[in-house]
Amino acid sequence: MLIKYKKSFEKIAMGLLSFMPEEKEVKKLQTTIKEYESNDDWQLFLWKEEDILGALGVRFDQERIVIQHISVTPSHRHQGIGKQMIKALEDQYGERYHICGNEQTEPFYQQCHA
């Protein structure tokens, strides 16, 4: 289930986002989390089953939602969780917004629709 990020999930979210190549440095990661917390156009979602297994960060851009971050905990990769996160986002917002990826996430987004 896709849930909205809350401050109480900060450490988990930072851990998940740190798997993204461009988020390896702690200072960059802290800046990214602050942006998700303070910018109304940025929204971070977490994928929760029994535990939190993934993160999906998006930016609302007029009629579009741009997927900026998508990450799944390594022990749960290749089980379709990333695809489930994309589908949940599309189910929730797809009628009102065009959803796409950015330079880093577009290949995965396209793979989910192959």
N, C-alpha and C. Protein backbone atom coordinates (compact mmCIF):
# COMPACT_ATOMS: atom_id res chain seq x y z
N MET A 1 0.84 -1.17 0.00
CA MET A 1 0.00 0.00 0.00
C MET A 1 0.89 1.25 0.00
N LEU A 2 0.54 2.22 -0.81
CA LEU A 2 1.27 3.48 -0.92
C LEU A 2 0.75 4.42 0.17
N ILE A 3 1.66 4.89 1.02
CA ILE A 3 1.29 5.82 2.09
C ILE A 3 2.12 7.09 1.95
N LYS A 4 1.59 8.21 2.43
CA LYS A 4 2.33 9.46 2.38
C LYS A 4 3.40 9.49 3.47
N TYR A 5 4.52 10.06 3.11
CA TYR A 5 5.65 10.22 4.04
C TYR A 5 5.24 11.10 5.21
N LYS A 6 5.68 10.71 6.40
CA LYS A 6 5.56 11.53 7.60
C LYS A 6 6.96 11.64 8.22
N LYS A 7 7.18 12.70 8.97
CA LYS A 7 8.48 12.96 9.60
C LYS A 7 8.95 11.76 10.43
N SER A 8 8.02 11.01 11.02
CA SER A 8 8.41 9.86 11.85
C SER A 8 9.07 8.75 11.02
N PHE A 9 8.92 8.80 9.69
CA PHE A 9 9.53 7.80 8.80
C PHE A 9 10.84 8.30 8.19
N GLU A 10 11.37 9.41 8.70
CA GLU A 10 12.52 10.06 8.07
C GLU A 10 13.71 9.12 7.87
N LYS A 11 14.11 8.38 8.91
CA LYS A 11 15.29 7.52 8.79
C LYS A 11 15.07 6.41 7.77
N ILE A 12 13.89 5.83 7.78
CA ILE A 12 13.57 4.77 6.81
C ILE A 12 13.61 5.35 5.40
N ALA A 13 12.98 6.51 5.21
CA ALA A 13 12.94 7.14 3.90
C ALA A 13 14.34 7.49 3.42
N MET A 14 15.16 8.03 4.30
CA MET A 14 16.54 8.38 3.91
C MET A 14 17.31 7.12 3.52
N GLY A 15 17.10 6.05 4.25
CA GLY A 15 17.76 4.79 3.90
C GLY A 15 17.36 4.30 2.53
N LEU A 16 16.08 4.37 2.23
CA LEU A 16 15.60 3.92 0.91
C LEU A 16 16.11 4.83 -0.20
N LEU A 17 16.03 6.15 0.02
CA LEU A 17 16.50 7.07 -1.01
C LEU A 17 18.00 6.96 -1.24
N SER A 18 18.74 6.53 -0.23
CA SER A 18 20.20 6.42 -0.37
C SER A 18 20.60 5.36 -1.39
N PHE A 19 19.66 4.49 -1.79
CA PHE A 19 19.96 3.50 -2.83
C PHE A 19 19.95 4.12 -4.22
N MET A 20 19.41 5.34 -4.35
CA MET A 20 19.44 6.03 -5.64
C MET A 20 20.86 6.56 -5.85
N PRO A 21 21.44 6.33 -7.04
CA PRO A 21 22.84 6.73 -7.28
C PRO A 21 23.13 8.20 -6.96
N GLU A 22 22.22 9.11 -7.28
CA GLU A 22 22.49 10.53 -7.07
C GLU A 22 22.25 10.96 -5.62
N GLU A 23 21.81 10.06 -4.76
CA GLU A 23 21.52 10.40 -3.37
C GLU A 23 22.48 9.74 -2.38
N LYS A 24 23.66 9.36 -2.82
CA LYS A 24 24.61 8.64 -1.98
C LYS A 24 25.18 9.50 -0.84
N GLU A 25 25.42 10.77 -1.11
CA GLU A 25 26.04 11.65 -0.11
C GLU A 25 25.00 12.09 0.91
N VAL A 26 25.37 12.07 2.19
CA VAL A 26 24.44 12.38 3.27
C VAL A 26 23.87 13.80 3.14
N LYS A 27 24.71 14.77 2.80
CA LYS A 27 24.23 16.16 2.68
C LYS A 27 23.19 16.28 1.56
N LYS A 28 23.41 15.62 0.45
CA LYS A 28 22.46 15.64 -0.66
C LYS A 28 21.15 14.99 -0.23
N LEU A 29 21.26 13.89 0.46
CA LEU A 29 20.10 13.16 0.96
C LEU A 29 19.28 14.01 1.93
N GLN A 30 19.95 14.70 2.83
CA GLN A 30 19.26 15.58 3.79
C GLN A 30 18.55 16.72 3.06
N THR A 31 19.19 17.27 2.04
CA THR A 31 18.57 18.33 1.25
C THR A 31 17.33 17.81 0.54
N THR A 32 17.41 16.61 -0.01
CA THR A 32 16.27 16.01 -0.71
C THR A 32 15.10 15.79 0.25
N ILE A 33 15.37 15.24 1.42
CA ILE A 33 14.30 15.00 2.40
C ILE A 33 13.66 16.32 2.82
N LYS A 34 14.49 17.36 3.06
CA LYS A 34 13.96 18.67 3.43
C LYS A 34 13.04 19.21 2.33
N GLU A 35 13.43 18.99 1.08
CA GLU A 35 12.61 19.45 -0.04
C GLU A 35 11.25 18.75 -0.04
N TYR A 36 11.25 17.44 0.20
CA TYR A 36 9.99 16.70 0.27
C TYR A 36 9.13 17.18 1.44
N GLU A 37 9.77 17.60 2.53
CA GLU A 37 9.02 18.05 3.71
C GLU A 37 8.47 19.46 3.55
N SER A 38 9.17 20.30 2.79
CA SER A 38 8.81 21.73 2.77
C SER A 38 8.17 22.21 1.46
N ASN A 39 8.38 21.52 0.36
CA ASN A 39 7.88 21.97 -0.93
C ASN A 39 6.54 21.29 -1.22
N ASP A 40 5.49 22.08 -1.36
CA ASP A 40 4.15 21.52 -1.60
C ASP A 40 4.04 20.78 -2.93
N ASP A 41 4.94 21.05 -3.87
CA ASP A 41 4.91 20.38 -5.17
C ASP A 41 5.63 19.03 -5.16
N TRP A 42 6.34 18.74 -4.09
CA TRP A 42 7.06 17.47 -3.96
C TRP A 42 6.32 16.59 -2.98
N GLN A 43 6.15 15.33 -3.32
CA GLN A 43 5.47 14.38 -2.42
C GLN A 43 6.25 13.08 -2.38
N LEU A 44 6.52 12.60 -1.19
CA LEU A 44 7.21 11.33 -1.01
C LEU A 44 6.21 10.31 -0.48
N PHE A 45 6.16 9.17 -1.14
CA PHE A 45 5.30 8.07 -0.73
C PHE A 45 6.18 6.91 -0.30
N LEU A 46 5.68 6.11 0.60
CA LEU A 46 6.38 4.90 1.03
C LEU A 46 5.49 3.71 0.74
N TRP A 47 6.10 2.58 0.41
CA TRP A 47 5.35 1.35 0.13
C TRP A 47 5.41 0.49 1.38
N LYS A 48 4.23 0.24 1.94
CA LYS A 48 4.15 -0.50 3.19
C LYS A 48 3.38 -1.79 2.98
N GLU A 49 4.02 -2.88 3.36
CA GLU A 49 3.34 -4.17 3.47
C GLU A 49 3.34 -4.44 4.97
N GLU A 50 4.05 -5.45 5.45
CA GLU A 50 4.23 -5.55 6.90
C GLU A 50 5.23 -4.50 7.36
N ASP A 51 6.24 -4.29 6.56
CA ASP A 51 7.26 -3.26 6.82
C ASP A 51 7.26 -2.29 5.65
N ILE A 52 7.99 -1.20 5.79
CA ILE A 52 8.16 -0.26 4.69
C ILE A 52 9.27 -0.81 3.80
N LEU A 53 8.93 -1.05 2.53
CA LEU A 53 9.85 -1.71 1.61
C LEU A 53 10.33 -0.84 0.46
N GLY A 54 9.66 0.30 0.23
CA GLY A 54 10.02 1.12 -0.91
C GLY A 54 9.67 2.58 -0.71
N ALA A 55 10.24 3.41 -1.57
CA ALA A 55 9.97 4.85 -1.57
C ALA A 55 9.75 5.30 -3.01
N LEU A 56 8.82 6.22 -3.16
CA LEU A 56 8.49 6.79 -4.47
C LEU A 56 8.32 8.29 -4.28
N GLY A 57 9.23 9.06 -4.87
CA GLY A 57 9.18 10.51 -4.74
C GLY A 57 8.77 11.14 -6.05
N VAL A 58 7.80 12.06 -5.98
CA VAL A 58 7.29 12.70 -7.19
C VAL A 58 7.27 14.21 -7.03
N ARG A 59 7.21 14.86 -8.19
CA ARG A 59 7.06 16.32 -8.24
C ARG A 59 5.83 16.62 -9.09
N PHE A 60 4.89 17.39 -8.53
CA PHE A 60 3.71 17.81 -9.27
C PHE A 60 4.09 19.03 -10.09
N ASP A 61 3.88 18.95 -11.40
CA ASP A 61 4.31 19.99 -12.33
C ASP A 61 3.15 20.29 -13.28
N GLN A 62 2.25 21.17 -12.87
CA GLN A 62 1.04 21.52 -13.62
C GLN A 62 0.22 20.28 -13.92
N GLU A 63 0.16 19.81 -15.16
CA GLU A 63 -0.65 18.63 -15.49
C GLU A 63 0.14 17.34 -15.40
N ARG A 64 1.38 17.41 -14.95
CA ARG A 64 2.23 16.21 -14.92
C ARG A 64 2.63 15.87 -13.49
N ILE A 65 2.90 14.60 -13.31
CA ILE A 65 3.61 14.12 -12.13
C ILE A 65 4.90 13.51 -12.64
N VAL A 66 6.02 14.04 -12.16
CA VAL A 66 7.33 13.55 -12.57
C VAL A 66 7.88 12.68 -11.43
N ILE A 67 8.16 11.42 -11.75
CA ILE A 67 8.75 10.52 -10.77
C ILE A 67 10.22 10.86 -10.65
N GLN A 68 10.62 11.31 -9.46
CA GLN A 68 12.00 11.74 -9.23
C GLN A 68 12.83 10.65 -8.57
N HIS A 69 12.21 9.87 -7.72
CA HIS A 69 12.92 8.81 -6.99
C HIS A 69 12.04 7.57 -6.93
N ILE A 70 12.64 6.43 -7.10
CA ILE A 70 11.96 5.16 -6.85
C ILE A 70 13.01 4.19 -6.36
N SER A 71 12.72 3.57 -5.22
CA SER A 71 13.70 2.70 -4.60
C SER A 71 12.99 1.61 -3.80
N VAL A 72 13.56 0.42 -3.86
CA VAL A 72 13.05 -0.72 -3.09
C VAL A 72 14.22 -1.28 -2.30
N THR A 73 13.94 -1.67 -1.07
CA THR A 73 15.00 -2.26 -0.24
C THR A 73 15.61 -3.47 -0.97
N PRO A 74 16.93 -3.59 -0.97
CA PRO A 74 17.58 -4.63 -1.79
C PRO A 74 17.05 -6.05 -1.57
N SER A 75 16.69 -6.40 -0.36
CA SER A 75 16.23 -7.77 -0.10
C SER A 75 14.84 -8.05 -0.68
N HIS A 76 14.16 -7.02 -1.17
CA HIS A 76 12.83 -7.20 -1.75
C HIS A 76 12.76 -6.81 -3.22
N ARG A 77 13.90 -6.63 -3.85
CA ARG A 77 13.92 -6.27 -5.27
C ARG A 77 13.55 -7.47 -6.13
N HIS A 78 13.14 -7.19 -7.35
CA HIS A 78 12.77 -8.20 -8.35
C HIS A 78 11.55 -9.01 -7.91
N GLN A 79 10.68 -8.38 -7.12
CA GLN A 79 9.44 -9.02 -6.69
C GLN A 79 8.22 -8.22 -7.14
N GLY A 80 8.44 -7.21 -7.97
CA GLY A 80 7.34 -6.42 -8.51
C GLY A 80 6.89 -5.26 -7.64
N ILE A 81 7.63 -4.94 -6.59
CA ILE A 81 7.21 -3.86 -5.69
C ILE A 81 7.29 -2.50 -6.39
N GLY A 82 8.35 -2.26 -7.14
CA GLY A 82 8.47 -1.00 -7.88
C GLY A 82 7.30 -0.83 -8.84
N LYS A 83 6.96 -1.89 -9.53
CA LYS A 83 5.83 -1.86 -10.46
C LYS A 83 4.51 -1.61 -9.71
N GLN A 84 4.36 -2.20 -8.54
CA GLN A 84 3.16 -1.99 -7.73
C GLN A 84 3.06 -0.53 -7.28
N MET A 85 4.20 0.07 -6.94
CA MET A 85 4.20 1.48 -6.53
C MET A 85 3.75 2.37 -7.68
N ILE A 86 4.28 2.09 -8.88
CA ILE A 86 3.90 2.86 -10.07
C ILE A 86 2.39 2.70 -10.34
N LYS A 87 1.90 1.48 -10.27
CA LYS A 87 0.47 1.23 -10.52
C LYS A 87 -0.39 1.95 -9.49
N ALA A 88 0.00 1.92 -8.22
CA ALA A 88 -0.76 2.61 -7.18
C ALA A 88 -0.79 4.11 -7.43
N LEU A 89 0.34 4.67 -7.87
CA LEU A 89 0.40 6.10 -8.20
C LEU A 89 -0.54 6.40 -9.37
N GLU A 90 -0.50 5.56 -10.39
CA GLU A 90 -1.37 5.75 -11.56
C GLU A 90 -2.84 5.61 -11.18
N ASP A 91 -3.15 4.64 -10.33
CA ASP A 91 -4.54 4.46 -9.89
C ASP A 91 -5.04 5.69 -9.14
N GLN A 92 -4.17 6.28 -8.34
CA GLN A 92 -4.56 7.43 -7.52
C GLN A 92 -4.61 8.73 -8.30
N TYR A 93 -3.67 8.93 -9.23
CA TYR A 93 -3.54 10.24 -9.89
C TYR A 93 -3.65 10.21 -11.41
N GLY A 94 -3.67 9.03 -12.01
CA GLY A 94 -3.57 8.91 -13.46
C GLY A 94 -4.66 9.58 -14.27
N GLU A 95 -5.85 9.73 -13.71
CA GLU A 95 -6.93 10.38 -14.46
C GLU A 95 -6.75 11.89 -14.51
N ARG A 96 -6.06 12.46 -13.52
CA ARG A 96 -5.90 13.91 -13.46
C ARG A 96 -4.55 14.40 -13.96
N TYR A 97 -3.56 13.53 -13.97
CA TYR A 97 -2.19 13.94 -14.32
C TYR A 97 -1.58 12.97 -15.32
N HIS A 98 -0.70 13.51 -16.16
CA HIS A 98 0.16 12.68 -17.00
C HIS A 98 1.36 12.31 -16.13
N ILE A 99 1.67 11.04 -16.03
CA ILE A 99 2.77 10.58 -15.19
C ILE A 99 3.95 10.20 -16.07
N CYS A 100 5.13 10.66 -15.67
CA CYS A 100 6.34 10.34 -16.42
C CYS A 100 7.52 10.28 -15.45
N GLY A 101 8.64 9.82 -15.93
CA GLY A 101 9.85 9.77 -15.12
C GLY A 101 10.78 10.92 -15.47
N ASN A 102 11.80 11.09 -14.66
CA ASN A 102 12.85 12.04 -15.01
C ASN A 102 13.97 11.26 -15.69
N GLU A 103 15.11 11.88 -15.87
CA GLU A 103 16.22 11.22 -16.57
C GLU A 103 16.61 9.89 -15.92
N GLN A 104 16.61 9.83 -14.58
CA GLN A 104 17.01 8.62 -13.88
C GLN A 104 15.90 7.57 -13.81
N THR A 105 14.64 8.00 -13.71
CA THR A 105 13.55 7.05 -13.44
C THR A 105 12.75 6.66 -14.68
N GLU A 106 12.88 7.41 -15.76
CA GLU A 106 12.09 7.12 -16.98
C GLU A 106 12.33 5.71 -17.52
N PRO A 107 13.59 5.22 -17.57
CA PRO A 107 13.77 3.85 -18.07
C PRO A 107 12.98 2.81 -17.26
N PHE A 108 12.98 2.93 -15.94
CA PHE A 108 12.22 1.99 -15.12
C PHE A 108 10.72 2.17 -15.35
N TYR A 109 10.28 3.42 -15.43
CA TYR A 109 8.85 3.69 -15.67
C TYR A 109 8.41 3.05 -16.98
N GLN A 110 9.20 3.19 -18.02
CA GLN A 110 8.87 2.59 -19.32
C GLN A 110 8.86 1.05 -19.24
N GLN A 111 9.81 0.51 -18.49
CA GLN A 111 9.88 -0.94 -18.31
C GLN A 111 8.61 -1.48 -17.64
N CYS A 112 8.02 -0.69 -16.76
CA CYS A 112 6.77 -1.11 -16.09
C CYS A 112 5.60 -1.20 -17.05
N HIS A 113 5.72 -0.54 -18.21
CA HIS A 113 4.64 -0.54 -19.20
C HIS A 113 4.96 -1.37 -20.43
N ALA A 114 6.06 -2.10 -20.37
CA ALA A 114 6.47 -2.91 -21.53
C ALA A 114 5.63 -4.17 -21.64
